[in-house]
Amino acid sequence: MGQGLVMVIAQCAAEELGMPYERVRVLLSDRTRRPTAPDNASRQTYVTGNAARLAASTLRRQWRRWSQRCATFRRTRSASRKV
């Protein structure tokens, strides 16, 4: 993957998550299963970059829901202690 694809994937995910791309770790597929698979750089950038962006968007929504649940739990727990 010498086309800079890893950097592009990290940048797509980082932009969606609102964090520096240096904090995003990209895990590559196992090339031993299909060592002769073509890379097709321009198509890979489009497809893989969008997949990373969509996955990061899903992750961001899940983080937001989890954060809201934690805040609700804290408020509920705090209110029950006052009684």
PDB file of N, CA and C in Angstrom:
ATOM      1  N   MET A   1       0.837  -1.182   0.000  1.00  0.00           N
ATOM      2  CA  MET A   1       0.000   0.000   0.000  1.00  0.00           C
ATOM      3  C   MET A   1       0.876   1.237   0.000  1.00  0.00           C
ATOM      4  N   GLY A   2       1.592   1.417  -1.046  1.00  0.00           N
ATOM      5  CA  GLY A   2       2.504   2.538  -1.129  1.00  0.00           C
ATOM      6  C   GLY A   2       1.885   3.802  -1.686  1.00  0.00           C
ATOM      7  N   GLN A   3       0.566   3.866  -1.803  1.00  0.00           N
ATOM      8  CA  GLN A   3      -0.081   5.036  -2.376  1.00  0.00           C
ATOM      9  C   GLN A   3      -0.506   6.050  -1.322  1.00  0.00           C
ATOM     10  N   GLY A   4      -0.125   5.830  -0.078  1.00  0.00           N
ATOM     11  CA  GLY A   4      -0.544   6.737   0.990  1.00  0.00           C
ATOM     12  C   GLY A   4      -1.949   6.446   1.482  1.00  0.00           C
ATOM     13  N   LEU A   5      -2.449   5.259   1.182  1.00  0.00           N
ATOM     14  CA  LEU A   5      -3.815   4.903   1.544  1.00  0.00           C
ATOM     15  C   LEU A   5      -4.039   4.897   3.047  1.00  0.00           C
ATOM     16  N   VAL A   6      -3.055   4.434   3.797  1.00  0.00           N
ATOM     17  CA  VAL A   6      -3.193   4.400   5.256  1.00  0.00           C
ATOM     18  C   VAL A   6      -3.405   5.812   5.802  1.00  0.00           C
ATOM     19  N   MET A   7      -2.658   6.774   5.273  1.00  0.00           N
ATOM     20  CA  MET A   7      -2.800   8.168   5.692  1.00  0.00           C
ATOM     21  C   MET A   7      -4.193   8.699   5.337  1.00  0.00           C
ATOM     22  N   VAL A   8      -4.673   8.369   4.142  1.00  0.00           N
ATOM     23  CA  VAL A   8      -5.997   8.824   3.713  1.00  0.00           C
ATOM     24  C   VAL A   8      -7.082   8.246   4.617  1.00  0.00           C
ATOM     25  N   ILE A   9      -6.983   6.958   4.933  1.00  0.00           N
ATOM     26  CA  ILE A   9      -7.967   6.323   5.807  1.00  0.00           C
ATOM     27  C   ILE A   9      -7.960   6.992   7.180  1.00  0.00           C
ATOM     28  N   ALA A  10      -6.781   7.210   7.726  1.00  0.00           N
ATOM     29  CA  ALA A  10      -6.663   7.864   9.035  1.00  0.00           C
ATOM     30  C   ALA A  10      -7.250   9.273   8.990  1.00  0.00           C
ATOM     31  N   GLN A  11      -6.991  10.008   7.925  1.00  0.00           N
ATOM     32  CA  GLN A  11      -7.509  11.371   7.812  1.00  0.00           C
ATOM     33  C   GLN A  11      -9.028  11.381   7.695  1.00  0.00           C
ATOM     34  N   CYS A  12      -9.598  10.456   6.941  1.00  0.00           N
ATOM     35  CA  CYS A  12     -11.058  10.388   6.807  1.00  0.00           C
ATOM     36  C   CYS A  12     -11.721  10.096   8.153  1.00  0.00           C
ATOM     37  N   ALA A  13     -11.192   9.127   8.856  1.00  0.00           N
ATOM     38  CA  ALA A  13     -11.758   8.771  10.161  1.00  0.00           C
ATOM     39  C   ALA A  13     -11.560   9.902  11.168  1.00  0.00           C
ATOM     40  N   ALA A  14     -10.390  10.487  11.173  1.00  0.00           N
ATOM     41  CA  ALA A  14     -10.087  11.560  12.126  1.00  0.00           C
ATOM     42  C   ALA A  14     -10.985  12.771  11.902  1.00  0.00           C
ATOM     43  N   GLU A  15     -11.213  13.111  10.657  1.00  0.00           N
ATOM     44  CA  GLU A  15     -12.080  14.258  10.366  1.00  0.00           C
ATOM     45  C   GLU A  15     -13.484  14.022  10.894  1.00  0.00           C
ATOM     46  N   GLU A  16     -13.990  12.819  10.700  1.00  0.00           N
ATOM     47  CA  GLU A  16     -15.335  12.487  11.166  1.00  0.00           C
ATOM     48  C   GLU A  16     -15.416  12.472  12.691  1.00  0.00           C
ATOM     49  N   LEU A  17     -14.330  12.040  13.338  1.00  0.00           N
ATOM     50  CA  LEU A  17     -14.310  11.963  14.803  1.00  0.00           C
ATOM     51  C   LEU A  17     -13.901  13.278  15.466  1.00  0.00           C
ATOM     52  N   GLY A  18     -13.370  14.207  14.671  1.00  0.00           N
ATOM     53  CA  GLY A  18     -12.950  15.489  15.221  1.00  0.00           C
ATOM     54  C   GLY A  18     -11.684  15.382  16.059  1.00  0.00           C
ATOM     55  N   MET A  19     -10.740  14.597  15.589  1.00  0.00           N
ATOM     56  CA  MET A  19      -9.488  14.436  16.316  1.00  0.00           C
ATOM     57  C   MET A  19      -8.325  14.454  15.333  1.00  0.00           C
ATOM     58  N   PRO A  20      -7.090  14.649  15.803  1.00  0.00           N
ATOM     59  CA  PRO A  20      -5.938  14.621  14.907  1.00  0.00           C
ATOM     60  C   PRO A  20      -5.751  13.228  14.297  1.00  0.00           C
ATOM     61  N   TYR A  21      -5.359  13.197  13.038  1.00  0.00           N
ATOM     62  CA  TYR A  21      -5.216  11.897  12.370  1.00  0.00           C
ATOM     63  C   TYR A  21      -4.117  11.052  13.005  1.00  0.00           C
ATOM     64  N   GLU A  22      -3.181  11.667  13.689  1.00  0.00           N
ATOM     65  CA  GLU A  22      -2.115  10.899  14.346  1.00  0.00           C
ATOM     66  C   GLU A  22      -2.665   9.996  15.446  1.00  0.00           C
ATOM     67  N   ARG A  23      -3.854  10.292  15.930  1.00  0.00           N
ATOM     68  CA  ARG A  23      -4.444   9.491  17.004  1.00  0.00           C
ATOM     69  C   ARG A  23      -5.258   8.312  16.480  1.00  0.00           C
ATOM     70  N   VAL A  24      -5.395   8.208  15.162  1.00  0.00           N
ATOM     71  CA  VAL A  24      -6.169   7.125  14.554  1.00  0.00           C
ATOM     72  C   VAL A  24      -5.216   6.016  14.129  1.00  0.00           C
ATOM     73  N   ARG A  25      -5.518   4.800  14.538  1.00  0.00           N
ATOM     74  CA  ARG A  25      -4.704   3.647  14.161  1.00  0.00           C
ATOM     75  C   ARG A  25      -5.436   2.864  13.074  1.00  0.00           C
ATOM     76  N   VAL A  26      -4.770   2.628  11.977  1.00  0.00           N
ATOM     77  CA  VAL A  26      -5.361   1.913  10.850  1.00  0.00           C
ATOM     78  C   VAL A  26      -4.822   0.494  10.840  1.00  0.00           C
ATOM     79  N   LEU A  27      -5.723  -0.468  10.861  1.00  0.00           N
ATOM     80  CA  LEU A  27      -5.342  -1.874  10.783  1.00  0.00           C
ATOM     81  C   LEU A  27      -5.583  -2.353   9.362  1.00  0.00           C
ATOM     82  N   LEU A  28      -4.564  -2.880   8.739  1.00  0.00           N
ATOM     83  CA  LEU A  28      -4.670  -3.335   7.358  1.00  0.00           C
ATOM     84  C   LEU A  28      -5.146  -4.773   7.295  1.00  0.00           C
ATOM     85  N   SER A  29      -5.702  -5.133   6.157  1.00  0.00           N
ATOM     86  CA  SER A  29      -6.177  -6.505   5.969  1.00  0.00           C
ATOM     87  C   SER A  29      -4.998  -7.467   5.893  1.00  0.00           C
ATOM     88  N   ASP A  30      -5.322  -8.723   6.026  1.00  0.00           N
ATOM     89  CA  ASP A  30      -4.317  -9.768   5.980  1.00  0.00           C
ATOM     90  C   ASP A  30      -4.007 -10.101   4.521  1.00  0.00           C
ATOM     91  N   ARG A  31      -2.865  -9.643   4.022  1.00  0.00           N
ATOM     92  CA  ARG A  31      -2.506  -9.860   2.621  1.00  0.00           C
ATOM     93  C   ARG A  31      -2.071 -11.298   2.358  1.00  0.00           C
ATOM     94  N   THR A  32      -1.904 -12.120   3.394  1.00  0.00           N
ATOM     95  CA  THR A  32      -1.505 -13.504   3.156  1.00  0.00           C
ATOM     96  C   THR A  32      -2.659 -14.311   2.569  1.00  0.00           C
ATOM     97  N   ARG A  33      -3.879 -13.873   2.779  1.00  0.00           N
ATOM     98  CA  ARG A  33      -5.032 -14.593   2.224  1.00  0.00           C
ATOM     99  C   ARG A  33      -5.183 -14.358   0.724  1.00  0.00           C
ATOM    100  N   ARG A  34      -4.876 -13.145   0.277  1.00  0.00           N
ATOM    101  CA  ARG A  34      -4.929 -12.820  -1.154  1.00  0.00           C
ATOM    102  C   ARG A  34      -3.712 -11.976  -1.499  1.00  0.00           C
ATOM    103  N   PRO A  35      -2.546 -12.585  -1.511  1.00  0.00           N
ATOM    104  CA  PRO A  35      -1.332 -11.798  -1.731  1.00  0.00           C
ATOM    105  C   PRO A  35      -1.237 -11.164  -3.112  1.00  0.00           C
ATOM    106  N   THR A  36      -1.999 -11.669  -4.077  1.00  0.00           N
ATOM    107  CA  THR A  36      -1.921 -11.116  -5.425  1.00  0.00           C
ATOM    108  C   THR A  36      -3.057 -10.146  -5.726  1.00  0.00           C
ATOM    109  N   ALA A  37      -3.841  -9.797  -4.735  1.00  0.00           N
ATOM    110  CA  ALA A  37      -4.969  -8.885  -4.965  1.00  0.00           C
ATOM    111  C   ALA A  37      -4.451  -7.517  -5.394  1.00  0.00           C
ATOM    112  N   PRO A  38      -5.038  -6.956  -6.457  1.00  0.00           N
ATOM    113  CA  PRO A  38      -4.587  -5.634  -6.907  1.00  0.00           C
ATOM    114  C   PRO A  38      -5.008  -4.547  -5.935  1.00  0.00           C
ATOM    115  N   ASP A  39      -4.246  -3.463  -5.901  1.00  0.00           N
ATOM    116  CA  ASP A  39      -4.565  -2.360  -5.004  1.00  0.00           C
ATOM    117  C   ASP A  39      -5.504  -1.345  -5.638  1.00  0.00           C
ATOM    118  N   ASN A  40      -5.341  -1.058  -6.937  1.00  0.00           N
ATOM    119  CA  ASN A  40      -6.184  -0.067  -7.612  1.00  0.00           C
ATOM    120  C   ASN A  40      -6.315   1.187  -6.751  1.00  0.00           C
ATOM    121  N   ALA A  41      -5.248   1.928  -6.652  1.00  0.00           N
ATOM    122  CA  ALA A  41      -5.111   3.023  -5.694  1.00  0.00           C
ATOM    123  C   ALA A  41      -6.273   3.995  -5.682  1.00  0.00           C
ATOM    124  N   SER A  42      -6.711   4.485  -6.822  1.00  0.00           N
ATOM    125  CA  SER A  42      -7.775   5.490  -6.813  1.00  0.00           C
ATOM    126  C   SER A  42      -9.084   4.906  -6.314  1.00  0.00           C
ATOM    127  N   ARG A  43      -9.397   3.692  -6.710  1.00  0.00           N
ATOM    128  CA  ARG A  43     -10.632   3.057  -6.239  1.00  0.00           C
ATOM    129  C   ARG A  43     -10.524   2.734  -4.750  1.00  0.00           C
ATOM    130  N   GLN A  44      -9.364   2.244  -4.328  1.00  0.00           N
ATOM    131  CA  GLN A  44      -9.166   1.928  -2.914  1.00  0.00           C
ATOM    132  C   GLN A  44      -9.342   3.167  -2.047  1.00  0.00           C
ATOM    133  N   THR A  45      -8.805   4.296  -2.504  1.00  0.00           N
ATOM    134  CA  THR A  45      -8.933   5.536  -1.739  1.00  0.00           C
ATOM    135  C   THR A  45     -10.393   5.897  -1.575  1.00  0.00           C
ATOM    136  N   TYR A  46     -11.150   5.826  -2.639  1.00  0.00           N
ATOM    137  CA  TYR A  46     -12.568   6.183  -2.598  1.00  0.00           C
ATOM    138  C   TYR A  46     -13.356   5.222  -1.717  1.00  0.00           C
ATOM    139  N   VAL A  47     -13.227   3.951  -1.978  1.00  0.00           N
ATOM    140  CA  VAL A  47     -14.013   2.944  -1.262  1.00  0.00           C
ATOM    141  C   VAL A  47     -13.596   2.848   0.197  1.00  0.00           C
ATOM    142  N   THR A  48     -12.310   2.703   0.443  1.00  0.00           N
ATOM    143  CA  THR A  48     -11.826   2.518   1.807  1.00  0.00           C
ATOM    144  C   THR A  48     -11.956   3.804   2.617  1.00  0.00           C
ATOM    145  N   GLY A  49     -11.694   4.938   1.996  1.00  0.00           N
ATOM    146  CA  GLY A  49     -11.855   6.218   2.702  1.00  0.00           C
ATOM    147  C   GLY A  49     -13.287   6.434   3.143  1.00  0.00           C
ATOM    148  N   ASN A  50     -14.236   6.132   2.270  1.00  0.00           N
ATOM    149  CA  ASN A  50     -15.646   6.277   2.642  1.00  0.00           C
ATOM    150  C   ASN A  50     -16.072   5.252   3.685  1.00  0.00           C
ATOM    151  N   ALA A  51     -15.539   4.045   3.600  1.00  0.00           N
ATOM    152  CA  ALA A  51     -15.846   3.036   4.616  1.00  0.00           C
ATOM    153  C   ALA A  51     -15.342   3.491   5.982  1.00  0.00           C
ATOM    154  N   ALA A  52     -14.137   4.050   6.020  1.00  0.00           N
ATOM    155  CA  ALA A  52     -13.584   4.553   7.287  1.00  0.00           C
ATOM    156  C   ALA A  52     -14.419   5.712   7.817  1.00  0.00           C
ATOM    157  N   ARG A  53     -14.848   6.592   6.927  1.00  0.00           N
ATOM    158  CA  ARG A  53     -15.660   7.739   7.338  1.00  0.00           C
ATOM    159  C   ARG A  53     -17.004   7.274   7.912  1.00  0.00           C
ATOM    160  N   LEU A  54     -17.646   6.328   7.243  1.00  0.00           N
ATOM    161  CA  LEU A  54     -18.929   5.823   7.734  1.00  0.00           C
ATOM    162  C   LEU A  54     -18.779   5.080   9.061  1.00  0.00           C
ATOM    163  N   ALA A  55     -17.717   4.298   9.195  1.00  0.00           N
ATOM    164  CA  ALA A  55     -17.471   3.593  10.456  1.00  0.00           C
ATOM    165  C   ALA A  55     -17.220   4.587  11.582  1.00  0.00           C
ATOM    166  N   ALA A  56     -16.455   5.635  11.302  1.00  0.00           N
ATOM    167  CA  ALA A  56     -16.172   6.656  12.318  1.00  0.00           C
ATOM    168  C   ALA A  56     -17.443   7.398  12.694  1.00  0.00           C
ATOM    169  N   SER A  57     -18.314   7.647  11.728  1.00  0.00           N
ATOM    170  CA  SER A  57     -19.583   8.312  12.007  1.00  0.00           C
ATOM    171  C   SER A  57     -20.451   7.453  12.928  1.00  0.00           C
ATOM    172  N   THR A  58     -20.493   6.157  12.655  1.00  0.00           N
ATOM    173  CA  THR A  58     -21.243   5.231  13.510  1.00  0.00           C
ATOM    174  C   THR A  58     -20.654   5.210  14.915  1.00  0.00           C
ATOM    175  N   LEU A  59     -19.346   5.164  15.002  1.00  0.00           N
ATOM    176  CA  LEU A  59     -18.674   5.170  16.299  1.00  0.00           C
ATOM    177  C   LEU A  59     -18.982   6.451  17.067  1.00  0.00           C
ATOM    178  N   ARG A  60     -18.956   7.581  16.373  1.00  0.00           N
ATOM    179  CA  ARG A  60     -19.246   8.859  17.027  1.00  0.00           C
ATOM    180  C   ARG A  60     -20.669   8.871  17.592  1.00  0.00           C
ATOM    181  N   ARG A  61     -21.656   8.348  16.835  1.00  0.00           N
ATOM    182  CA  ARG A  61     -23.035   8.279  17.343  1.00  0.00           C
ATOM    183  C   ARG A  61     -23.127   7.375  18.566  1.00  0.00           C
ATOM    184  N   GLN A  62     -22.413   6.250  18.523  1.00  0.00           N
ATOM    185  CA  GLN A  62     -22.432   5.336  19.669  1.00  0.00           C
ATOM    186  C   GLN A  62     -21.799   5.987  20.895  1.00  0.00           C
ATOM    187  N   TRP A  63     -20.691   6.710  20.692  1.00  0.00           N
ATOM    188  CA  TRP A  63     -20.071   7.433  21.810  1.00  0.00           C
ATOM    189  C   TRP A  63     -21.045   8.431  22.399  1.00  0.00           C
ATOM    190  N   ARG A  64     -21.760   9.159  21.539  1.00  0.00           N
ATOM    191  CA  ARG A  64     -22.700  10.172  22.012  1.00  0.00           C
ATOM    192  C   ARG A  64     -23.815   9.531  22.847  1.00  0.00           C
ATOM    193  N   ARG A  65     -24.378   8.411  22.349  1.00  0.00           N
ATOM    194  CA  ARG A  65     -25.426   7.712  23.108  1.00  0.00           C
ATOM    195  C   ARG A  65     -24.890   7.212  24.450  1.00  0.00           C
ATOM    196  N   TRP A  66     -23.706   6.645  24.424  1.00  0.00           N
ATOM    197  CA  TRP A  66     -23.109   6.140  25.663  1.00  0.00           C
ATOM    198  C   TRP A  66     -22.891   7.286  26.649  1.00  0.00           C
ATOM    199  N   SER A  67     -22.406   8.402  26.153  1.00  0.00           N
ATOM    200  CA  SER A  67     -22.168   9.565  26.999  1.00  0.00           C
ATOM    201  C   SER A  67     -23.472  10.068  27.621  1.00  0.00           C
ATOM    202  N   GLN A  68     -24.538  10.084  26.834  1.00  0.00           N
ATOM    203  CA  GLN A  68     -25.841  10.517  27.358  1.00  0.00           C
ATOM    204  C   GLN A  68     -26.354   9.546  28.414  1.00  0.00           C
ATOM    205  N   ARG A  69     -26.161   8.259  28.193  1.00  0.00           N
ATOM    206  CA  ARG A  69     -26.592   7.265  29.186  1.00  0.00           C
ATOM    207  C   ARG A  69     -25.813   7.425  30.488  1.00  0.00           C
ATOM    208  N   CYS A  70     -24.513   7.680  30.375  1.00  0.00           N
ATOM    209  CA  CYS A  70     -23.695   7.882  31.577  1.00  0.00           C
ATOM    210  C   CYS A  70     -24.163   9.114  32.339  1.00  0.00           C
ATOM    211  N   ALA A  71     -24.465  10.177  31.623  1.00  0.00           N
ATOM    212  CA  ALA A  71     -24.926  11.411  32.268  1.00  0.00           C
ATOM    213  C   ALA A  71     -26.264  11.178  32.956  1.00  0.00           C
ATOM    214  N   THR A  72     -27.174  10.443  32.319  1.00  0.00           N
ATOM    215  CA  THR A  72     -28.470  10.132  32.920  1.00  0.00           C
ATOM    216  C   THR A  72     -28.283   9.276  34.164  1.00  0.00           C
ATOM    217  N   PHE A  73     -27.411   8.298  34.090  1.00  0.00           N
ATOM    218  CA  PHE A  73     -27.143   7.437  35.233  1.00  0.00           C
ATOM    219  C   PHE A  73     -26.598   8.252  36.408  1.00  0.00           C
ATOM    220  N   ARG A  74     -25.654   9.155  36.115  1.00  0.00           N
ATOM    221  CA  ARG A  74     -25.092   9.985  37.184  1.00  0.00           C
ATOM    222  C   ARG A  74     -26.156  10.860  37.831  1.00  0.00           C
ATOM    223  N   ARG A  75     -27.026  11.467  37.008  1.00  0.00           N
ATOM    224  CA  ARG A  75     -28.089  12.318  37.566  1.00  0.00           C
ATOM    225  C   ARG A  75     -29.036  11.496  38.424  1.00  0.00           C
ATOM    226  N   THR A  76     -29.424  10.327  37.940  1.00  0.00           N
ATOM    227  CA  THR A  76     -30.340   9.455  38.680  1.00  0.00           C
ATOM    228  C   THR A  76     -29.714   9.004  39.991  1.00  0.00           C
ATOM    229  N   ARG A  77     -28.484   8.612  39.915  1.00  0.00           N
ATOM    230  CA  ARG A  77     -27.774   8.142  41.118  1.00  0.00           C
ATOM    231  C   ARG A  77     -27.608   9.270  42.122  1.00  0.00           C
ATOM    232  N   SER A  78     -27.288  10.455  41.649  1.00  0.00           N
ATOM    233  CA  SER A  78     -27.123  11.605  42.518  1.00  0.00           C
ATOM    234  C   SER A  78     -28.438  11.984  43.189  1.00  0.00           C
ATOM    235  N   ALA A  79     -29.537  11.930  42.432  1.00  0.00           N
ATOM    236  CA  ALA A  79     -30.858  12.267  42.982  1.00  0.00           C
ATOM    237  C   ALA A  79     -31.285  11.255  44.024  1.00  0.00           C
ATOM    238  N   SER A  80     -30.979   9.987  43.831  1.00  0.00           N
ATOM    239  CA  SER A  80     -31.392   8.956  44.790  1.00  0.00           C
ATOM    240  C   SER A  80     -30.603   9.066  46.096  1.00  0.00           C
ATOM    241  N   ARG A  81     -29.400   9.600  46.062  1.00  0.00           N
ATOM    242  CA  ARG A  81     -28.610   9.774  47.271  1.00  0.00           C
ATOM    243  C   ARG A  81     -29.129  10.907  48.133  1.00  0.00           C
ATOM    244  N   LYS A  82     -29.776  11.884  47.504  1.00  0.00           N
ATOM    245  CA  LYS A  82     -30.266  13.042  48.238  1.00  0.00           C
ATOM    246  C   LYS A  82     -31.527  12.717  49.022  1.00  0.00           C
ATOM    247  N   VAL A  83     -32.219  11.657  48.645  1.00  0.00           N
ATOM    248  CA  VAL A  83     -33.479  11.302  49.295  1.00  0.00           C
ATOM    249  C   VAL A  83     -33.245  10.605  50.600  1.00  0.00           C
TER     250      VAL A  83
END
